[in-house]
Amino acid sequence: MPESSINIFGAPVPVFRVNNVDANIAYYLNALGFELRWRASEGFACVARDRCSIFLTDDNQSRAFSLARQASS
């Protein structure tokens, strides 16, 4: 790979599917020292601590998915 590459990658962010986003936000904040970084809706939020971010959702966004597999169908 050339040294002059302009691509810059950030850290991966896991998506955790949970039954109750509010309860999980409270746990991460109160028990683990995270902060609420943002909340997009009742069912989707981001908690973070230091350089670690985690998405919490009550939707099935963390299901296995491949664009390559879908494109070849």
PDB file of N, CA and C in Angstrom:
ATOM      1  N   MET A   1       0.852  -1.175   0.000  1.00  0.00           N
ATOM      2  CA  MET A   1       0.000   0.000   0.000  1.00  0.00           C
ATOM      3  C   MET A   1       0.894   1.233   0.000  1.00  0.00           C
ATOM      4  N   PRO A   2       0.621   2.193  -0.856  1.00  0.00           N
ATOM      5  CA  PRO A   2       1.450   3.402  -0.903  1.00  0.00           C
ATOM      6  C   PRO A   2       1.348   4.212   0.380  1.00  0.00           C
ATOM      7  N   GLU A   3       2.443   4.828   0.759  1.00  0.00           N
ATOM      8  CA  GLU A   3       2.447   5.655   1.956  1.00  0.00           C
ATOM      9  C   GLU A   3       1.575   6.888   1.811  1.00  0.00           C
ATOM     10  N   SER A   4       1.293   7.301   0.590  1.00  0.00           N
ATOM     11  CA  SER A   4       0.508   8.514   0.368  1.00  0.00           C
ATOM     12  C   SER A   4      -1.000   8.260   0.353  1.00  0.00           C
ATOM     13  N   SER A   5      -1.415   7.099   0.806  1.00  0.00           N
ATOM     14  CA  SER A   5      -2.831   6.761   0.834  1.00  0.00           C
ATOM     15  C   SER A   5      -3.614   7.796   1.641  1.00  0.00           C
ATOM     16  N   ILE A   6      -4.767   8.225   1.127  1.00  0.00           N
ATOM     17  CA  ILE A   6      -5.572   9.233   1.822  1.00  0.00           C
ATOM     18  C   ILE A   6      -6.676   8.609   2.669  1.00  0.00           C
ATOM     19  N   ASN A   7      -6.765   7.297   2.675  1.00  0.00           N
ATOM     20  CA  ASN A   7      -7.783   6.629   3.486  1.00  0.00           C
ATOM     21  C   ASN A   7      -7.388   6.657   4.954  1.00  0.00           C
ATOM     22  N   ILE A   8      -8.317   7.066   5.782  1.00  0.00           N
ATOM     23  CA  ILE A   8      -8.101   7.077   7.227  1.00  0.00           C
ATOM     24  C   ILE A   8      -9.248   6.304   7.864  1.00  0.00           C
ATOM     25  N   PHE A   9      -8.914   5.322   8.663  1.00  0.00           N
ATOM     26  CA  PHE A   9      -9.920   4.492   9.289  1.00  0.00           C
ATOM     27  C   PHE A   9      -9.976   4.776  10.782  1.00  0.00           C
ATOM     28  N   GLY A  10     -11.182   4.837  11.308  1.00  0.00           N
ATOM     29  CA  GLY A  10     -11.375   4.984  12.744  1.00  0.00           C
ATOM     30  C   GLY A  10     -11.529   3.626  13.393  1.00  0.00           C
ATOM     31  N   ALA A  11     -11.751   3.642  14.680  1.00  0.00           N
ATOM     32  CA  ALA A  11     -11.926   2.398  15.428  1.00  0.00           C
ATOM     33  C   ALA A  11     -13.287   1.776  15.101  1.00  0.00           C
ATOM     34  N   PRO A  12     -13.384   0.458  15.112  1.00  0.00           N
ATOM     35  CA  PRO A  12     -14.681  -0.178  14.924  1.00  0.00           C
ATOM     36  C   PRO A  12     -15.579   0.085  16.127  1.00  0.00           C
ATOM     37  N   VAL A  13     -16.883   0.128  15.887  1.00  0.00           N
ATOM     38  CA  VAL A  13     -17.849   0.342  16.962  1.00  0.00           C
ATOM     39  C   VAL A  13     -18.831  -0.827  16.958  1.00  0.00           C
ATOM     40  N   PRO A  14     -18.817  -1.641  18.012  1.00  0.00           N
ATOM     41  CA  PRO A  14     -19.758  -2.762  18.057  1.00  0.00           C
ATOM     42  C   PRO A  14     -21.186  -2.281  18.251  1.00  0.00           C
ATOM     43  N   VAL A  15     -22.131  -3.057  17.722  1.00  0.00           N
ATOM     44  CA  VAL A  15     -23.557  -2.785  17.888  1.00  0.00           C
ATOM     45  C   VAL A  15     -24.119  -3.900  18.755  1.00  0.00           C
ATOM     46  N   PHE A  16     -24.601  -3.544  19.954  1.00  0.00           N
ATOM     47  CA  PHE A  16     -25.180  -4.529  20.865  1.00  0.00           C
ATOM     48  C   PHE A  16     -26.692  -4.427  20.808  1.00  0.00           C
ATOM     49  N   ARG A  17     -27.335  -5.525  20.456  1.00  0.00           N
ATOM     50  CA  ARG A  17     -28.806  -5.579  20.465  1.00  0.00           C
ATOM     51  C   ARG A  17     -29.232  -5.912  21.887  1.00  0.00           C
ATOM     52  N   VAL A  18     -30.087  -5.061  22.457  1.00  0.00           N
ATOM     53  CA  VAL A  18     -30.511  -5.223  23.847  1.00  0.00           C
ATOM     54  C   VAL A  18     -32.037  -5.178  23.923  1.00  0.00           C
ATOM     55  N   ASN A  19     -32.583  -5.721  24.997  1.00  0.00           N
ATOM     56  CA  ASN A  19     -34.032  -5.698  25.178  1.00  0.00           C
ATOM     57  C   ASN A  19     -34.539  -4.338  25.636  1.00  0.00           C
ATOM     58  N   ASN A  20     -33.716  -3.619  26.400  1.00  0.00           N
ATOM     59  CA  ASN A  20     -34.144  -2.348  26.975  1.00  0.00           C
ATOM     60  C   ASN A  20     -32.989  -1.349  26.887  1.00  0.00           C
ATOM     61  N   VAL A  21     -33.075  -0.431  25.936  1.00  0.00           N
ATOM     62  CA  VAL A  21     -31.993   0.526  25.725  1.00  0.00           C
ATOM     63  C   VAL A  21     -31.799   1.408  26.957  1.00  0.00           C
ATOM     64  N   ASP A  22     -32.887   1.886  27.563  1.00  0.00           N
ATOM     65  CA  ASP A  22     -32.774   2.745  28.747  1.00  0.00           C
ATOM     66  C   ASP A  22     -32.039   2.056  29.890  1.00  0.00           C
ATOM     67  N   ALA A  23     -32.391   0.806  30.157  1.00  0.00           N
ATOM     68  CA  ALA A  23     -31.748   0.064  31.243  1.00  0.00           C
ATOM     69  C   ALA A  23     -30.269  -0.161  30.949  1.00  0.00           C
ATOM     70  N   ASN A  24     -29.935  -0.429  29.711  1.00  0.00           N
ATOM     71  CA  ASN A  24     -28.539  -0.640  29.347  1.00  0.00           C
ATOM     72  C   ASN A  24     -27.736   0.653  29.393  1.00  0.00           C
ATOM     73  N   ILE A  25     -28.330   1.761  28.984  1.00  0.00           N
ATOM     74  CA  ILE A  25     -27.655   3.055  29.122  1.00  0.00           C
ATOM     75  C   ILE A  25     -27.347   3.306  30.595  1.00  0.00           C
ATOM     76  N   ALA A  26     -28.321   3.094  31.446  1.00  0.00           N
ATOM     77  CA  ALA A  26     -28.126   3.307  32.883  1.00  0.00           C
ATOM     78  C   ALA A  26     -27.005   2.425  33.421  1.00  0.00           C
ATOM     79  N   TYR A  27     -26.941   1.177  32.993  1.00  0.00           N
ATOM     80  CA  TYR A  27     -25.892   0.267  33.452  1.00  0.00           C
ATOM     81  C   TYR A  27     -24.508   0.755  33.012  1.00  0.00           C
ATOM     82  N   TYR A  28     -24.378   1.080  31.739  1.00  0.00           N
ATOM     83  CA  TYR A  28     -23.081   1.540  31.241  1.00  0.00           C
ATOM     84  C   TYR A  28     -22.649   2.837  31.920  1.00  0.00           C
ATOM     85  N   LEU A  29     -23.581   3.742  32.173  1.00  0.00           N
ATOM     86  CA  LEU A  29     -23.245   5.002  32.824  1.00  0.00           C
ATOM     87  C   LEU A  29     -22.906   4.801  34.305  1.00  0.00           C
ATOM     88  N   ASN A  30     -23.793   4.146  35.047  1.00  0.00           N
ATOM     89  CA  ASN A  30     -23.670   4.052  36.506  1.00  0.00           C
ATOM     90  C   ASN A  30     -22.700   2.977  36.985  1.00  0.00           C
ATOM     91  N   ALA A  31     -22.658   1.840  36.302  1.00  0.00           N
ATOM     92  CA  ALA A  31     -21.808   0.738  36.764  1.00  0.00           C
ATOM     93  C   ALA A  31     -20.427   0.736  36.113  1.00  0.00           C
ATOM     94  N   LEU A  32     -20.348   1.199  34.862  1.00  0.00           N
ATOM     95  CA  LEU A  32     -19.095   1.071  34.130  1.00  0.00           C
ATOM     96  C   LEU A  32     -18.408   2.398  33.824  1.00  0.00           C
ATOM     97  N   GLY A  33     -19.033   3.519  34.176  1.00  0.00           N
ATOM     98  CA  GLY A  33     -18.391   4.811  33.997  1.00  0.00           C
ATOM     99  C   GLY A  33     -18.411   5.364  32.589  1.00  0.00           C
ATOM    100  N   PHE A  34     -19.279   4.855  31.735  1.00  0.00           N
ATOM    101  CA  PHE A  34     -19.420   5.387  30.379  1.00  0.00           C
ATOM    102  C   PHE A  34     -20.221   6.685  30.433  1.00  0.00           C
ATOM    103  N   GLU A  35     -20.256   7.405  29.320  1.00  0.00           N
ATOM    104  CA  GLU A  35     -21.113   8.579  29.181  1.00  0.00           C
ATOM    105  C   GLU A  35     -22.017   8.368  27.974  1.00  0.00           C
ATOM    106  N   LEU A  36     -23.167   9.006  27.998  1.00  0.00           N
ATOM    107  CA  LEU A  36     -24.058   8.944  26.849  1.00  0.00           C
ATOM    108  C   LEU A  36     -23.531   9.925  25.819  1.00  0.00           C
ATOM    109  N   ARG A  37     -23.054   9.423  24.707  1.00  0.00           N
ATOM    110  CA  ARG A  37     -22.473  10.268  23.668  1.00  0.00           C
ATOM    111  C   ARG A  37     -23.582  10.927  22.839  1.00  0.00           C
ATOM    112  N   TRP A  38     -24.575  10.130  22.438  1.00  0.00           N
ATOM    113  CA  TRP A  38     -25.733  10.667  21.723  1.00  0.00           C
ATOM    114  C   TRP A  38     -26.842   9.631  21.708  1.00  0.00           C
ATOM    115  N   ARG A  39     -28.023  10.116  21.388  1.00  0.00           N
ATOM    116  CA  ARG A  39     -29.183   9.229  21.278  1.00  0.00           C
ATOM    117  C   ARG A  39     -29.989   9.659  20.061  1.00  0.00           C
ATOM    118  N   ALA A  40     -30.160   8.754  19.111  1.00  0.00           N
ATOM    119  CA  ALA A  40     -30.855   9.075  17.865  1.00  0.00           C
ATOM    120  C   ALA A  40     -32.357   8.879  17.988  1.00  0.00           C
ATOM    121  N   SER A  41     -32.767   7.964  18.858  1.00  0.00           N
ATOM    122  CA  SER A  41     -34.187   7.665  19.054  1.00  0.00           C
ATOM    123  C   SER A  41     -34.315   6.872  20.347  1.00  0.00           C
ATOM    124  N   GLU A  42     -35.536   6.467  20.672  1.00  0.00           N
ATOM    125  CA  GLU A  42     -35.720   5.641  21.877  1.00  0.00           C
ATOM    126  C   GLU A  42     -34.957   4.336  21.779  1.00  0.00           C
ATOM    127  N   GLY A  43     -34.797   3.831  20.560  1.00  0.00           N
ATOM    128  CA  GLY A  43     -34.211   2.510  20.380  1.00  0.00           C
ATOM    129  C   GLY A  43     -32.786   2.488  19.882  1.00  0.00           C
ATOM    130  N   PHE A  44     -32.093   3.641  19.878  1.00  0.00           N
ATOM    131  CA  PHE A  44     -30.718   3.649  19.360  1.00  0.00           C
ATOM    132  C   PHE A  44     -29.901   4.725  20.059  1.00  0.00           C
ATOM    133  N   ALA A  45     -28.765   4.323  20.635  1.00  0.00           N
ATOM    134  CA  ALA A  45     -27.919   5.263  21.375  1.00  0.00           C
ATOM    135  C   ALA A  45     -26.463   4.835  21.283  1.00  0.00           C
ATOM    136  N   CYS A  46     -25.595   5.762  21.647  1.00  0.00           N
ATOM    137  CA  CYS A  46     -24.157   5.490  21.693  1.00  0.00           C
ATOM    138  C   CYS A  46     -23.629   5.870  23.064  1.00  0.00           C
ATOM    139  N   VAL A  47     -22.989   4.904  23.732  1.00  0.00           N
ATOM    140  CA  VAL A  47     -22.298   5.185  24.993  1.00  0.00           C
ATOM    141  C   VAL A  47     -20.804   5.088  24.722  1.00  0.00           C
ATOM    142  N   ALA A  48     -20.019   5.831  25.500  1.00  0.00           N
ATOM    143  CA  ALA A  48     -18.575   5.842  25.264  1.00  0.00           C
ATOM    144  C   ALA A  48     -17.820   6.052  26.561  1.00  0.00           C
ATOM    145  N   ARG A  49     -16.603   5.531  26.561  1.00  0.00           N
ATOM    146  CA  ARG A  49     -15.668   5.755  27.663  1.00  0.00           C
ATOM    147  C   ARG A  49     -14.270   5.752  27.057  1.00  0.00           C
ATOM    148  N   ASP A  50     -13.541   6.811  27.321  1.00  0.00           N
ATOM    149  CA  ASP A  50     -12.220   6.982  26.719  1.00  0.00           C
ATOM    150  C   ASP A  50     -12.348   6.877  25.194  1.00  0.00           C
ATOM    151  N   ARG A  51     -11.630   5.939  24.583  1.00  0.00           N
ATOM    152  CA  ARG A  51     -11.707   5.792  23.127  1.00  0.00           C
ATOM    153  C   ARG A  51     -12.592   4.623  22.703  1.00  0.00           C
ATOM    154  N   CYS A  52     -13.407   4.121  23.614  1.00  0.00           N
ATOM    155  CA  CYS A  52     -14.301   3.000  23.333  1.00  0.00           C
ATOM    156  C   CYS A  52     -15.734   3.498  23.191  1.00  0.00           C
ATOM    157  N   SER A  53     -16.352   3.230  22.052  1.00  0.00           N
ATOM    158  CA  SER A  53     -17.757   3.564  21.830  1.00  0.00           C
ATOM    159  C   SER A  53     -18.531   2.285  21.560  1.00  0.00           C
ATOM    160  N   ILE A  54     -19.787   2.251  22.007  1.00  0.00           N
ATOM    161  CA  ILE A  54     -20.665   1.101  21.793  1.00  0.00           C
ATOM    162  C   ILE A  54     -22.029   1.622  21.386  1.00  0.00           C
ATOM    163  N   PHE A  55     -22.582   1.060  20.316  1.00  0.00           N
ATOM    164  CA  PHE A  55     -23.953   1.367  19.922  1.00  0.00           C
ATOM    165  C   PHE A  55     -24.882   0.385  20.628  1.00  0.00           C
ATOM    166  N   LEU A  56     -25.973   0.901  21.175  1.00  0.00           N
ATOM    167  CA  LEU A  56     -27.003   0.075  21.804  1.00  0.00           C
ATOM    168  C   LEU A  56     -28.283   0.241  21.000  1.00  0.00           C
ATOM    169  N   THR A  57     -28.919  -0.865  20.655  1.00  0.00           N
ATOM    170  CA  THR A  57     -30.149  -0.798  19.876  1.00  0.00           C
ATOM    171  C   THR A  57     -31.117  -1.892  20.298  1.00  0.00           C
ATOM    172  N   ASP A  58     -32.406  -1.606  20.153  1.00  0.00           N
ATOM    173  CA  ASP A  58     -33.407  -2.647  20.375  1.00  0.00           C
ATOM    174  C   ASP A  58     -33.902  -3.190  19.041  1.00  0.00           C
ATOM    175  N   ASP A  59     -33.258  -2.781  17.963  1.00  0.00           N
ATOM    176  CA  ASP A  59     -33.581  -3.247  16.623  1.00  0.00           C
ATOM    177  C   ASP A  59     -32.598  -4.355  16.249  1.00  0.00           C
ATOM    178  N   ASN A  60     -32.835  -5.011  15.146  1.00  0.00           N
ATOM    179  CA  ASN A  60     -31.979  -6.120  14.737  1.00  0.00           C
ATOM    180  C   ASN A  60     -30.859  -5.639  13.807  1.00  0.00           C
ATOM    181  N   GLN A  61     -30.225  -4.514  14.122  1.00  0.00           N
ATOM    182  CA  GLN A  61     -29.174  -3.963  13.274  1.00  0.00           C
ATOM    183  C   GLN A  61     -27.887  -4.752  13.345  1.00  0.00           C
ATOM    184  N   SER A  62     -27.716  -5.565  14.357  1.00  0.00           N
ATOM    185  CA  SER A  62     -26.462  -6.310  14.500  1.00  0.00           C
ATOM    186  C   SER A  62     -26.522  -7.681  13.836  1.00  0.00           C
ATOM    187  N   ARG A  63     -27.572  -7.971  13.082  1.00  0.00           N
ATOM    188  CA  ARG A  63     -27.678  -9.268  12.415  1.00  0.00           C
ATOM    189  C   ARG A  63     -26.588  -9.392  11.347  1.00  0.00           C
ATOM    190  N   ALA A  64     -26.247 -10.600  11.030  1.00  0.00           N
ATOM    191  CA  ALA A  64     -25.238 -10.831   9.991  1.00  0.00           C
ATOM    192  C   ALA A  64     -25.752 -10.288   8.663  1.00  0.00           C
ATOM    193  N   PHE A  65     -24.899  -9.563   7.965  1.00  0.00           N
ATOM    194  CA  PHE A  65     -25.319  -8.932   6.718  1.00  0.00           C
ATOM    195  C   PHE A  65     -24.100  -8.756   5.836  1.00  0.00           C
ATOM    196  N   SER A  66     -24.254  -9.057   4.581  1.00  0.00           N
ATOM    197  CA  SER A  66     -23.151  -8.882   3.653  1.00  0.00           C
ATOM    198  C   SER A  66     -23.642  -8.261   2.364  1.00  0.00           C
ATOM    199  N   LEU A  67     -23.091  -7.115   2.018  1.00  0.00           N
ATOM    200  CA  LEU A  67     -23.467  -6.468   0.768  1.00  0.00           C
ATOM    201  C   LEU A  67     -23.049  -7.312  -0.425  1.00  0.00           C
ATOM    202  N   ALA A  68     -21.921  -7.993  -0.313  1.00  0.00           N
ATOM    203  CA  ALA A  68     -21.445  -8.827  -1.419  1.00  0.00           C
ATOM    204  C   ALA A  68     -22.414  -9.974  -1.685  1.00  0.00           C
ATOM    205  N   ARG A  69     -22.904 -10.579  -0.626  1.00  0.00           N
ATOM    206  CA  ARG A  69     -23.853 -11.683  -0.777  1.00  0.00           C
ATOM    207  C   ARG A  69     -25.161 -11.168  -1.369  1.00  0.00           C
ATOM    208  N   GLN A  70     -25.620 -10.023  -0.893  1.00  0.00           N
ATOM    209  CA  GLN A  70     -26.874  -9.461  -1.384  1.00  0.00           C
ATOM    210  C   GLN A  70     -26.735  -9.047  -2.843  1.00  0.00           C
ATOM    211  N   ALA A  71     -25.623  -8.477  -3.221  1.00  0.00           N
ATOM    212  CA  ALA A  71     -25.419  -7.995  -4.587  1.00  0.00           C
ATOM    213  C   ALA A  71     -25.364  -9.150  -5.585  1.00  0.00           C
ATOM    214  N   SER A  72     -24.878 -10.302  -5.152  1.00  0.00           N
ATOM    215  CA  SER A  72     -24.758 -11.421  -6.073  1.00  0.00           C
ATOM    216  C   SER A  72     -26.038 -12.231  -6.183  1.00  0.00           C
ATOM    217  N   SER A  73     -27.033 -11.934  -5.367  1.00  0.00           N
ATOM    218  CA  SER A  73     -28.295 -12.694  -5.386  1.00  0.00           C
ATOM    219  C   SER A  73     -29.111 -12.382  -6.615  1.00  0.00           C
TER     220      SER A  73
END
